[in-house]
């Protein structure tokens, strides 16, 4: 007779990272089927075949799990955005436009995965997206190119002012998708 061992009963996962990865994968499965709002810690524990107590050993609650998942995708997304930025490093407005478009249309690379920050999950995920961590990634990406642009064009655009609008544009276009042509037309209108 085959038994399904639980972590706390003989098949313990002592490695913090491994335990978190298993729970995060279980959370994604739940969020994709039930949505973030309808998913409970009990649901995540059941899919991971652990107790609620085990989930709380690794995470402080559902909000902590959502934050961890979004941070993983944020890291992956900004890794790719850096490549886009280098393609347009001599044309700051175009670089900024392409980076915003990429961030607004980014989807996890796994085929068939539902985006955790759009659709039915948008309202629950939004508070975890436009955060200080996200601003820090934009700051790191945009600081040097903006400084060079300001120097070349005798401008004084402040990075913090730019970051405030960039994050909101990304969220806006994620939640209300458009074609790239519509996006470019909107960005052109902003520049006038």
N, C-alpha and C. Protein backbone atom coordinates (compact mmCIF):
# COMPACT_ATOMS: atom_id res chain seq x y z
N UNK A 1 0.83 -1.17 0.00
CA UNK A 1 0.00 0.00 0.00
C UNK A 1 0.89 1.25 0.00
N UNK A 2 0.64 2.12 -0.99
CA UNK A 2 1.44 3.33 -1.11
C UNK A 2 0.82 4.44 -0.26
N UNK A 3 1.68 5.10 0.54
CA UNK A 3 1.18 6.21 1.36
C UNK A 3 1.77 7.51 0.84
N UNK A 4 1.05 8.55 1.06
CA UNK A 4 1.50 9.87 0.67
C UNK A 4 2.09 10.54 1.90
N UNK A 5 3.40 10.60 1.99
CA UNK A 5 4.04 11.17 3.17
C UNK A 5 3.96 12.68 3.15
N UNK A 6 3.75 13.23 4.32
CA UNK A 6 3.73 14.67 4.48
C UNK A 6 5.10 15.13 4.95
N UNK A 7 5.38 16.41 4.78
CA UNK A 7 6.68 16.92 5.21
C UNK A 7 6.93 16.64 6.67
N UNK A 8 5.97 16.88 7.49
CA UNK A 8 6.17 16.76 8.93
C UNK A 8 6.14 15.33 9.44
N UNK A 9 5.97 14.35 8.56
CA UNK A 9 5.84 12.97 9.01
C UNK A 9 6.77 12.07 8.20
N UNK A 10 8.05 12.22 8.41
CA UNK A 10 9.01 11.32 7.79
C UNK A 10 9.64 11.83 6.51
N UNK A 11 8.98 12.72 5.79
CA UNK A 11 9.53 13.23 4.54
C UNK A 11 9.82 14.73 4.69
N UNK A 12 10.41 15.07 5.77
CA UNK A 12 10.64 16.47 6.14
C UNK A 12 11.55 17.17 5.13
N UNK A 13 11.21 18.40 4.83
CA UNK A 13 12.05 19.24 3.98
C UNK A 13 12.75 20.23 4.90
N UNK A 14 14.04 20.02 5.11
CA UNK A 14 14.77 20.88 6.03
C UNK A 14 15.41 22.08 5.35
N UNK A 15 15.51 22.02 4.04
CA UNK A 15 16.09 23.12 3.29
C UNK A 15 15.02 24.20 3.07
N UNK A 16 15.26 25.39 3.61
CA UNK A 16 14.29 26.49 3.54
C UNK A 16 13.90 26.81 2.10
N UNK A 17 14.87 26.91 1.21
CA UNK A 17 14.58 27.25 -0.19
C UNK A 17 13.73 26.18 -0.87
N UNK A 18 14.02 24.91 -0.62
CA UNK A 18 13.24 23.83 -1.22
C UNK A 18 11.80 23.87 -0.71
N UNK A 19 11.63 24.04 0.57
CA UNK A 19 10.29 24.13 1.13
C UNK A 19 9.51 25.29 0.55
N UNK A 20 10.14 26.45 0.44
CA UNK A 20 9.48 27.62 -0.13
C UNK A 20 9.09 27.38 -1.58
N UNK A 21 9.99 26.77 -2.35
CA UNK A 21 9.70 26.51 -3.76
C UNK A 21 8.49 25.59 -3.91
N UNK A 22 8.41 24.57 -3.10
CA UNK A 22 7.28 23.64 -3.17
C UNK A 22 5.98 24.37 -2.83
N UNK A 23 6.01 25.19 -1.81
CA UNK A 23 4.82 25.93 -1.42
C UNK A 23 4.44 26.99 -2.46
N UNK A 24 5.41 27.64 -3.05
CA UNK A 24 5.11 28.64 -4.07
C UNK A 24 4.51 27.98 -5.31
N UNK A 25 5.02 26.82 -5.68
CA UNK A 25 4.43 26.11 -6.83
C UNK A 25 2.99 25.71 -6.51
N UNK A 26 2.76 25.27 -5.31
CA UNK A 26 1.40 24.91 -4.90
C UNK A 26 0.49 26.13 -4.91
N UNK A 27 1.02 27.26 -4.47
CA UNK A 27 0.24 28.51 -4.47
C UNK A 27 -0.12 28.91 -5.89
N UNK A 28 0.83 28.82 -6.81
CA UNK A 28 0.55 29.15 -8.21
C UNK A 28 -0.56 28.26 -8.75
N UNK A 29 -0.47 26.97 -8.47
CA UNK A 29 -1.53 26.05 -8.92
C UNK A 29 -2.89 26.48 -8.39
N UNK A 30 -2.95 26.85 -7.14
CA UNK A 30 -4.22 27.30 -6.54
C UNK A 30 -4.69 28.62 -7.15
N UNK A 31 -3.77 29.57 -7.28
CA UNK A 31 -4.14 30.88 -7.81
C UNK A 31 -4.64 30.78 -9.25
N UNK A 32 -4.07 29.84 -10.02
CA UNK A 32 -4.49 29.68 -11.41
C UNK A 32 -5.88 29.05 -11.51
N UNK A 33 -6.19 28.18 -10.59
CA UNK A 33 -7.49 27.50 -10.68
C UNK A 33 -8.59 28.25 -9.94
N UNK A 34 -8.30 28.78 -8.77
CA UNK A 34 -9.32 29.42 -7.94
C UNK A 34 -9.25 30.94 -7.95
N UNK A 35 -8.09 31.48 -8.35
CA UNK A 35 -7.88 32.92 -8.24
C UNK A 35 -7.25 33.23 -6.89
N UNK A 36 -6.56 34.34 -6.81
CA UNK A 36 -5.88 34.72 -5.57
C UNK A 36 -6.89 34.96 -4.46
N UNK A 37 -7.94 35.69 -4.76
CA UNK A 37 -8.90 36.07 -3.73
C UNK A 37 -9.56 34.85 -3.09
N UNK A 38 -9.91 33.84 -3.89
CA UNK A 38 -10.63 32.67 -3.37
C UNK A 38 -9.72 31.62 -2.74
N UNK A 39 -8.42 31.72 -2.97
CA UNK A 39 -7.48 30.74 -2.43
C UNK A 39 -7.20 31.01 -0.95
N UNK A 40 -7.21 29.97 -0.16
CA UNK A 40 -6.88 30.08 1.26
C UNK A 40 -5.55 29.39 1.53
N UNK A 41 -5.01 29.65 2.70
CA UNK A 41 -3.78 28.96 3.12
C UNK A 41 -4.06 27.45 3.19
N UNK A 42 -5.25 27.10 3.61
CA UNK A 42 -5.64 25.68 3.66
C UNK A 42 -5.56 25.05 2.27
N UNK A 43 -6.00 25.78 1.24
CA UNK A 43 -5.93 25.26 -0.13
C UNK A 43 -4.48 25.01 -0.54
N UNK A 44 -3.61 25.96 -0.25
CA UNK A 44 -2.20 25.83 -0.60
C UNK A 44 -1.59 24.64 0.14
N UNK A 45 -1.90 24.53 1.42
CA UNK A 45 -1.38 23.41 2.23
C UNK A 45 -1.84 22.08 1.66
N UNK A 46 -3.10 22.01 1.26
CA UNK A 46 -3.66 20.76 0.73
C UNK A 46 -2.94 20.34 -0.56
N UNK A 47 -2.72 21.31 -1.47
CA UNK A 47 -2.03 21.00 -2.73
C UNK A 47 -0.58 20.57 -2.46
N UNK A 48 0.06 21.19 -1.47
CA UNK A 48 1.45 20.85 -1.12
C UNK A 48 1.53 19.59 -0.25
N UNK A 49 0.37 19.11 0.20
CA UNK A 49 0.30 17.93 1.06
C UNK A 49 1.01 18.16 2.40
N UNK A 50 0.73 19.33 2.97
CA UNK A 50 1.28 19.69 4.28
C UNK A 50 0.15 20.30 5.12
N UNK A 51 0.47 20.63 6.33
CA UNK A 51 -0.51 21.28 7.19
C UNK A 51 -0.41 22.80 7.02
N UNK A 52 -1.44 23.50 7.47
CA UNK A 52 -1.41 24.96 7.46
C UNK A 52 -0.23 25.47 8.27
N UNK A 53 0.04 24.79 9.36
CA UNK A 53 1.15 25.18 10.23
C UNK A 53 2.48 25.18 9.47
N UNK A 54 2.64 24.21 8.59
CA UNK A 54 3.86 24.14 7.78
C UNK A 54 3.94 25.34 6.84
N UNK A 55 2.83 25.71 6.24
CA UNK A 55 2.83 26.88 5.36
C UNK A 55 3.26 28.11 6.15
N UNK A 56 2.71 28.26 7.35
CA UNK A 56 3.06 29.42 8.18
C UNK A 56 4.50 29.35 8.71
N UNK A 57 5.11 28.19 8.67
CA UNK A 57 6.51 28.07 9.05
C UNK A 57 7.40 28.77 8.00
N UNK A 58 6.93 28.76 6.75
CA UNK A 58 7.71 29.33 5.65
C UNK A 58 7.26 30.74 5.26
N UNK A 59 5.98 31.05 5.45
CA UNK A 59 5.42 32.35 5.03
C UNK A 59 4.51 32.89 6.12
N UNK A 60 4.42 34.21 6.20
CA UNK A 60 3.58 34.86 7.20
C UNK A 60 2.10 34.86 6.85
N UNK A 61 1.77 34.50 5.64
CA UNK A 61 0.38 34.46 5.20
C UNK A 61 0.30 34.56 3.69
N UNK A 62 -0.92 34.66 3.19
CA UNK A 62 -1.14 34.69 1.75
C UNK A 62 -0.46 35.90 1.11
N UNK A 63 -0.52 37.04 1.77
CA UNK A 63 0.11 38.25 1.24
C UNK A 63 1.61 38.05 1.05
N UNK A 64 2.25 37.38 1.98
CA UNK A 64 3.68 37.09 1.90
C UNK A 64 3.97 36.16 0.71
N UNK A 65 3.09 35.22 0.46
CA UNK A 65 3.25 34.30 -0.67
C UNK A 65 3.11 35.06 -1.98
N UNK A 66 2.10 35.93 -2.07
CA UNK A 66 1.89 36.72 -3.28
C UNK A 66 3.12 37.59 -3.54
N UNK A 67 3.61 38.24 -2.51
CA UNK A 67 4.79 39.10 -2.65
C UNK A 67 5.99 38.29 -3.15
N UNK A 68 6.19 37.09 -2.62
CA UNK A 68 7.31 36.25 -3.05
C UNK A 68 7.17 35.85 -4.52
N UNK A 69 5.98 35.47 -4.93
CA UNK A 69 5.76 35.08 -6.33
C UNK A 69 5.99 36.26 -7.28
N UNK A 70 5.47 37.41 -6.92
CA UNK A 70 5.63 38.58 -7.78
C UNK A 70 7.09 39.01 -7.83
N UNK A 71 7.81 38.88 -6.73
CA UNK A 71 9.23 39.24 -6.73
C UNK A 71 10.04 38.32 -7.65
N UNK A 72 9.69 37.04 -7.67
CA UNK A 72 10.38 36.10 -8.58
C UNK A 72 10.17 36.54 -10.02
N UNK A 73 8.92 36.84 -10.38
CA UNK A 73 8.64 37.27 -11.75
C UNK A 73 9.25 38.63 -12.05
N UNK A 74 9.26 39.52 -11.05
CA UNK A 74 9.87 40.84 -11.24
C UNK A 74 11.35 40.68 -11.58
N UNK A 75 12.04 39.81 -10.85
CA UNK A 75 13.47 39.57 -11.12
C UNK A 75 13.67 39.06 -12.54
N UNK A 76 12.84 38.09 -12.96
CA UNK A 76 12.95 37.52 -14.30
C UNK A 76 12.68 38.59 -15.35
N UNK A 77 11.65 39.40 -15.12
CA UNK A 77 11.27 40.42 -16.07
C UNK A 77 12.37 41.47 -16.23
N UNK A 78 12.92 41.97 -15.11
CA UNK A 78 13.94 43.01 -15.21
C UNK A 78 15.24 42.47 -15.79
N UNK A 79 15.50 41.20 -15.62
CA UNK A 79 16.67 40.60 -16.26
C UNK A 79 16.55 40.74 -17.79
N UNK A 80 15.34 40.51 -18.31
CA UNK A 80 15.10 40.63 -19.75
C UNK A 80 15.01 42.09 -20.19
N UNK A 81 14.46 42.94 -19.34
CA UNK A 81 14.35 44.36 -19.69
C UNK A 81 15.73 44.98 -19.86
N UNK A 82 16.70 44.53 -19.09
CA UNK A 82 18.06 45.06 -19.23
C UNK A 82 18.60 44.83 -20.63
N UNK A 83 18.27 43.68 -21.22
CA UNK A 83 18.69 43.41 -22.60
C UNK A 83 18.04 44.39 -23.57
N UNK A 84 16.76 44.68 -23.36
CA UNK A 84 16.04 45.63 -24.22
C UNK A 84 16.66 47.01 -24.09
N UNK A 85 16.98 47.39 -22.86
CA UNK A 85 17.55 48.72 -22.62
C UNK A 85 18.87 48.89 -23.36
N UNK A 86 19.69 47.86 -23.39
CA UNK A 86 20.99 47.99 -24.06
C UNK A 86 20.84 48.13 -25.57
N UNK A 87 19.74 47.62 -26.13
CA UNK A 87 19.50 47.77 -27.57
C UNK A 87 19.25 49.22 -27.97
N UNK A 88 18.75 50.00 -27.02
CA UNK A 88 18.36 51.39 -27.31
C UNK A 88 19.08 52.39 -26.41
N UNK A 89 20.29 52.07 -25.99
CA UNK A 89 20.95 52.91 -25.00
C UNK A 89 21.31 54.31 -25.51
N UNK A 90 21.30 54.54 -26.81
CA UNK A 90 21.59 55.88 -27.34
C UNK A 90 20.32 56.69 -27.61
N UNK A 91 19.15 56.09 -27.40
CA UNK A 91 17.89 56.77 -27.65
C UNK A 91 17.00 56.55 -26.42
N UNK A 92 17.18 57.41 -25.42
CA UNK A 92 16.48 57.22 -24.15
C UNK A 92 14.96 57.17 -24.27
N UNK A 93 14.31 58.07 -25.01
CA UNK A 93 12.85 57.98 -25.12
C UNK A 93 12.38 56.65 -25.70
N UNK A 94 13.06 56.16 -26.73
CA UNK A 94 12.70 54.87 -27.32
C UNK A 94 12.98 53.73 -26.34
N UNK A 95 14.12 53.80 -25.65
CA UNK A 95 14.44 52.78 -24.65
C UNK A 95 13.37 52.71 -23.57
N UNK A 96 12.96 53.88 -23.08
CA UNK A 96 11.94 53.93 -22.04
C UNK A 96 10.62 53.35 -22.54
N UNK A 97 10.23 53.74 -23.73
CA UNK A 97 8.99 53.24 -24.32
C UNK A 97 9.03 51.71 -24.47
N UNK A 98 10.13 51.18 -25.00
CA UNK A 98 10.24 49.72 -25.20
C UNK A 98 10.26 48.97 -23.86
N UNK A 99 10.89 49.55 -22.86
CA UNK A 99 10.92 48.90 -21.55
C UNK A 99 9.55 48.89 -20.89
N UNK A 100 8.83 49.99 -21.00
CA UNK A 100 7.47 50.05 -20.45
C UNK A 100 6.58 49.05 -21.17
N UNK A 101 6.68 49.01 -22.50
CA UNK A 101 5.86 48.07 -23.28
C UNK A 101 6.16 46.62 -22.88
N UNK A 102 7.44 46.30 -22.76
CA UNK A 102 7.81 44.94 -22.38
C UNK A 102 7.25 44.59 -21.00
N UNK A 103 7.41 45.49 -20.04
CA UNK A 103 6.92 45.23 -18.68
C UNK A 103 5.40 45.10 -18.67
N UNK A 104 4.71 45.90 -19.48
CA UNK A 104 3.25 45.86 -19.51
C UNK A 104 2.72 44.60 -20.18
N UNK A 105 3.51 44.01 -21.06
CA UNK A 105 3.04 42.81 -21.79
C UNK A 105 3.77 41.54 -21.36
N UNK A 106 4.63 41.63 -20.37
CA UNK A 106 5.40 40.49 -19.91
C UNK A 106 4.49 39.40 -19.34
N UNK A 107 4.76 38.19 -19.71
CA UNK A 107 4.08 37.01 -19.18
C UNK A 107 5.13 36.00 -18.76
N UNK A 108 4.85 35.21 -17.73
CA UNK A 108 5.82 34.20 -17.33
C UNK A 108 6.18 33.30 -18.51
N UNK A 109 7.42 32.87 -18.58
CA UNK A 109 7.88 32.11 -19.74
C UNK A 109 7.31 30.69 -19.84
N UNK A 110 6.76 30.17 -18.77
CA UNK A 110 6.23 28.82 -18.83
C UNK A 110 4.96 28.81 -19.68
N UNK A 111 4.95 27.99 -20.70
CA UNK A 111 3.79 27.91 -21.60
C UNK A 111 2.54 27.51 -20.83
N UNK A 112 1.47 28.19 -21.12
CA UNK A 112 0.19 27.84 -20.51
C UNK A 112 -0.05 28.42 -19.13
N UNK A 113 0.90 29.16 -18.58
CA UNK A 113 0.70 29.72 -17.25
C UNK A 113 -0.21 30.94 -17.32
N UNK A 114 -1.08 31.06 -16.37
CA UNK A 114 -1.93 32.23 -16.26
C UNK A 114 -1.14 33.31 -15.55
N UNK A 115 -1.24 34.51 -16.05
CA UNK A 115 -0.56 35.64 -15.45
C UNK A 115 -1.18 35.92 -14.09
N UNK A 116 -0.39 35.96 -13.05
CA UNK A 116 -0.90 36.15 -11.70
C UNK A 116 -1.25 37.60 -11.38
N UNK A 117 -0.91 38.53 -12.26
CA UNK A 117 -1.17 39.93 -11.94
C UNK A 117 -2.22 40.57 -12.84
N UNK A 118 -2.81 39.82 -13.73
CA UNK A 118 -3.84 40.35 -14.61
C UNK A 118 -5.11 39.52 -14.47
N UNK A 119 -6.11 39.91 -15.21
CA UNK A 119 -7.36 39.16 -15.22
C UNK A 119 -8.00 39.08 -13.85
N UNK A 120 -8.43 37.88 -13.48
CA UNK A 120 -9.15 37.72 -12.21
C UNK A 120 -8.27 38.00 -10.99
N UNK A 121 -6.97 38.01 -11.17
CA UNK A 121 -6.06 38.23 -10.04
C UNK A 121 -5.57 39.68 -9.90
N UNK A 122 -5.96 40.54 -10.83
CA UNK A 122 -5.43 41.90 -10.87
C UNK A 122 -5.65 42.67 -9.56
N UNK A 123 -6.86 42.65 -9.04
CA UNK A 123 -7.16 43.44 -7.84
C UNK A 123 -6.35 42.98 -6.63
N UNK A 124 -6.19 41.68 -6.47
CA UNK A 124 -5.44 41.14 -5.34
C UNK A 124 -3.93 41.34 -5.49
N UNK A 125 -3.45 41.32 -6.72
CA UNK A 125 -2.01 41.40 -6.96
C UNK A 125 -1.50 42.84 -7.04
N UNK A 126 -2.33 43.77 -7.44
CA UNK A 126 -1.89 45.16 -7.67
C UNK A 126 -1.09 45.78 -6.53
N UNK A 127 -1.52 45.63 -5.27
CA UNK A 127 -0.73 46.25 -4.20
C UNK A 127 0.70 45.70 -4.08
N UNK A 128 0.96 44.55 -4.69
CA UNK A 128 2.28 43.93 -4.59
C UNK A 128 3.18 44.27 -5.78
N UNK A 129 2.63 44.99 -6.77
CA UNK A 129 3.38 45.24 -8.00
C UNK A 129 4.13 46.56 -7.96
N UNK A 130 3.43 47.65 -7.79
CA UNK A 130 4.05 48.97 -7.80
C UNK A 130 4.57 49.28 -6.39
N UNK A 131 5.71 48.69 -6.08
CA UNK A 131 6.27 48.78 -4.74
C UNK A 131 7.65 49.44 -4.77
N UNK A 132 8.22 49.62 -3.60
CA UNK A 132 9.56 50.18 -3.50
C UNK A 132 10.58 49.27 -4.19
N UNK A 133 10.38 47.96 -4.12
CA UNK A 133 11.29 47.02 -4.79
C UNK A 133 11.26 47.24 -6.30
N UNK A 134 10.06 47.41 -6.83
CA UNK A 134 9.92 47.66 -8.27
C UNK A 134 10.58 48.99 -8.64
N UNK A 135 10.33 50.01 -7.83
CA UNK A 135 10.95 51.32 -8.08
C UNK A 135 12.48 51.20 -8.09
N UNK A 136 13.02 50.39 -7.21
CA UNK A 136 14.47 50.23 -7.14
C UNK A 136 15.01 49.58 -8.42
N UNK A 137 14.29 48.62 -8.96
CA UNK A 137 14.71 48.01 -10.23
C UNK A 137 14.69 49.05 -11.35
N UNK A 138 13.63 49.86 -11.42
CA UNK A 138 13.55 50.91 -12.44
C UNK A 138 14.67 51.93 -12.24
N UNK A 139 14.94 52.28 -11.00
CA UNK A 139 15.99 53.26 -10.70
C UNK A 139 17.34 52.75 -11.21
N UNK A 140 17.64 51.51 -10.92
CA UNK A 140 18.91 50.91 -11.37
C UNK A 140 19.00 50.88 -12.89
N UNK A 141 17.90 50.57 -13.55
CA UNK A 141 17.86 50.46 -15.00
C UNK A 141 17.98 51.83 -15.69
N UNK A 142 17.30 52.84 -15.14
CA UNK A 142 17.15 54.11 -15.84
C UNK A 142 18.15 55.20 -15.45
N UNK A 143 18.81 55.08 -14.32
CA UNK A 143 19.66 56.17 -13.82
C UNK A 143 20.72 56.62 -14.83
N UNK A 144 21.58 55.73 -15.25
CA UNK A 144 22.68 56.11 -16.15
C UNK A 144 22.16 56.61 -17.51
N UNK A 145 21.22 55.90 -18.15
CA UNK A 145 20.72 56.41 -19.43
C UNK A 145 20.02 57.77 -19.31
N UNK A 146 19.30 57.99 -18.22
CA UNK A 146 18.63 59.29 -18.02
C UNK A 146 19.67 60.39 -17.80
N UNK A 147 20.69 60.12 -17.02
CA UNK A 147 21.75 61.11 -16.80
C UNK A 147 22.40 61.49 -18.13
N UNK A 148 22.68 60.50 -18.96
CA UNK A 148 23.29 60.77 -20.27
C UNK A 148 22.33 61.57 -21.16
N UNK A 149 21.06 61.22 -21.14
CA UNK A 149 20.05 61.94 -21.92
C UNK A 149 19.93 63.39 -21.45
N UNK A 150 19.87 63.60 -20.16
CA UNK A 150 19.79 64.96 -19.61
C UNK A 150 21.01 65.78 -20.01
N UNK A 151 22.18 65.18 -19.94
CA UNK A 151 23.42 65.90 -20.29
C UNK A 151 23.45 66.24 -21.78
N UNK A 152 23.10 65.29 -22.64
CA UNK A 152 23.12 65.52 -24.10
C UNK A 152 22.10 66.58 -24.53
N UNK A 153 20.96 66.61 -23.87
CA UNK A 153 19.86 67.46 -24.31
C UNK A 153 19.62 68.67 -23.40
N UNK A 154 20.54 68.89 -22.47
CA UNK A 154 20.41 69.99 -21.51
C UNK A 154 19.03 69.99 -20.86
N UNK A 155 18.64 68.83 -20.36
CA UNK A 155 17.35 68.65 -19.69
C UNK A 155 17.62 68.38 -18.21
N UNK A 156 16.58 68.42 -17.42
CA UNK A 156 16.73 68.14 -15.98
C UNK A 156 15.58 67.26 -15.49
N UNK A 157 15.31 66.20 -16.23
CA UNK A 157 14.26 65.26 -15.82
C UNK A 157 14.75 64.52 -14.59
N UNK A 158 13.94 64.51 -13.55
CA UNK A 158 14.32 63.84 -12.31
C UNK A 158 13.90 62.38 -12.36
N UNK A 159 14.81 61.52 -11.95
CA UNK A 159 14.56 60.09 -11.98
C UNK A 159 13.35 59.71 -11.14
N UNK A 160 13.22 60.25 -9.96
CA UNK A 160 12.09 59.89 -9.09
C UNK A 160 10.75 60.27 -9.71
N UNK A 161 10.70 61.40 -10.41
CA UNK A 161 9.46 61.80 -11.09
C UNK A 161 9.14 60.82 -12.21
N UNK A 162 10.16 60.41 -12.93
CA UNK A 162 9.97 59.47 -14.04
C UNK A 162 9.51 58.11 -13.54
N UNK A 163 10.12 57.63 -12.46
CA UNK A 163 9.77 56.31 -11.92
C UNK A 163 8.32 56.26 -11.48
N UNK A 164 7.81 57.34 -10.91
CA UNK A 164 6.41 57.36 -10.47
C UNK A 164 5.47 57.09 -11.62
N UNK A 165 5.73 57.69 -12.76
CA UNK A 165 4.83 57.51 -13.91
C UNK A 165 5.06 56.17 -14.61
N UNK A 166 6.30 55.71 -14.66
CA UNK A 166 6.60 54.45 -15.34
C UNK A 166 5.84 53.28 -14.69
N UNK A 167 5.90 53.18 -13.38
CA UNK A 167 5.21 52.09 -12.69
C UNK A 167 3.72 52.12 -12.93
N UNK A 168 3.15 53.31 -12.93
CA UNK A 168 1.70 53.42 -13.14
C UNK A 168 1.31 53.12 -14.58
N UNK A 169 2.17 53.49 -15.52
CA UNK A 169 1.90 53.16 -16.92
C UNK A 169 1.93 51.65 -17.14
N UNK A 170 2.90 51.00 -16.54
CA UNK A 170 3.00 49.54 -16.69
C UNK A 170 1.72 48.88 -16.15
N UNK A 171 1.30 49.26 -14.97
CA UNK A 171 0.10 48.66 -14.38
C UNK A 171 -1.12 48.98 -15.24
N UNK A 172 -1.22 50.21 -15.69
CA UNK A 172 -2.36 50.62 -16.51
C UNK A 172 -2.46 49.78 -17.79
N UNK A 173 -1.35 49.63 -18.49
CA UNK A 173 -1.38 48.86 -19.73
C UNK A 173 -1.48 47.36 -19.49
N UNK A 174 -1.07 46.87 -18.34
CA UNK A 174 -1.26 45.45 -18.01
C UNK A 174 -2.74 45.16 -17.81
N UNK A 175 -3.40 46.06 -17.11
CA UNK A 175 -4.79 45.82 -16.76
C UNK A 175 -5.77 46.23 -17.85
N UNK A 176 -5.32 47.05 -18.76
CA UNK A 176 -6.16 47.47 -19.88
C UNK A 176 -5.33 47.35 -21.16
N UNK A 177 -5.13 46.13 -21.63
CA UNK A 177 -4.23 45.89 -22.76
C UNK A 177 -4.63 46.68 -24.02
N UNK A 178 -3.61 46.97 -24.81
CA UNK A 178 -3.82 47.64 -26.08
C UNK A 178 -2.84 47.04 -27.09
N UNK A 179 -2.96 47.46 -28.33
CA UNK A 179 -1.98 47.03 -29.32
C UNK A 179 -0.73 47.89 -29.15
N UNK A 180 0.34 47.45 -29.73
CA UNK A 180 1.58 48.23 -29.62
C UNK A 180 1.41 49.57 -30.33
N UNK A 181 0.66 49.60 -31.41
CA UNK A 181 0.42 50.85 -32.13
C UNK A 181 -0.35 51.83 -31.25
N UNK A 182 -1.38 51.35 -30.55
CA UNK A 182 -2.14 52.22 -29.64
C UNK A 182 -1.24 52.72 -28.50
N UNK A 183 -0.42 51.83 -28.00
CA UNK A 183 0.51 52.19 -26.93
C UNK A 183 1.46 53.29 -27.40
N UNK A 184 2.06 53.10 -28.59
CA UNK A 184 3.00 54.09 -29.13
C UNK A 184 2.32 55.44 -29.35
N UNK A 185 1.08 55.41 -29.83
CA UNK A 185 0.34 56.66 -30.03
C UNK A 185 0.11 57.37 -28.70
N UNK A 186 -0.21 56.62 -27.67
CA UNK A 186 -0.40 57.20 -26.33
C UNK A 186 0.91 57.79 -25.81
N UNK A 187 1.98 57.08 -25.99
CA UNK A 187 3.28 57.58 -25.52
C UNK A 187 3.68 58.84 -26.29
N UNK A 188 3.39 58.89 -27.59
CA UNK A 188 3.69 60.07 -28.38
C UNK A 188 2.88 61.27 -27.87
N UNK A 189 1.63 61.02 -27.53
CA UNK A 189 0.77 62.08 -27.01
C UNK A 189 1.32 62.61 -25.69
N UNK A 190 1.90 61.74 -24.86
CA UNK A 190 2.49 62.17 -23.59
C UNK A 190 3.72 63.07 -23.82
N UNK A 191 4.43 62.83 -24.89
CA UNK A 191 5.66 63.58 -25.15
C UNK A 191 5.39 65.00 -25.66
N UNK A 192 4.18 65.24 -26.16
CA UNK A 192 3.86 66.57 -26.74
C UNK A 192 3.67 67.62 -25.70
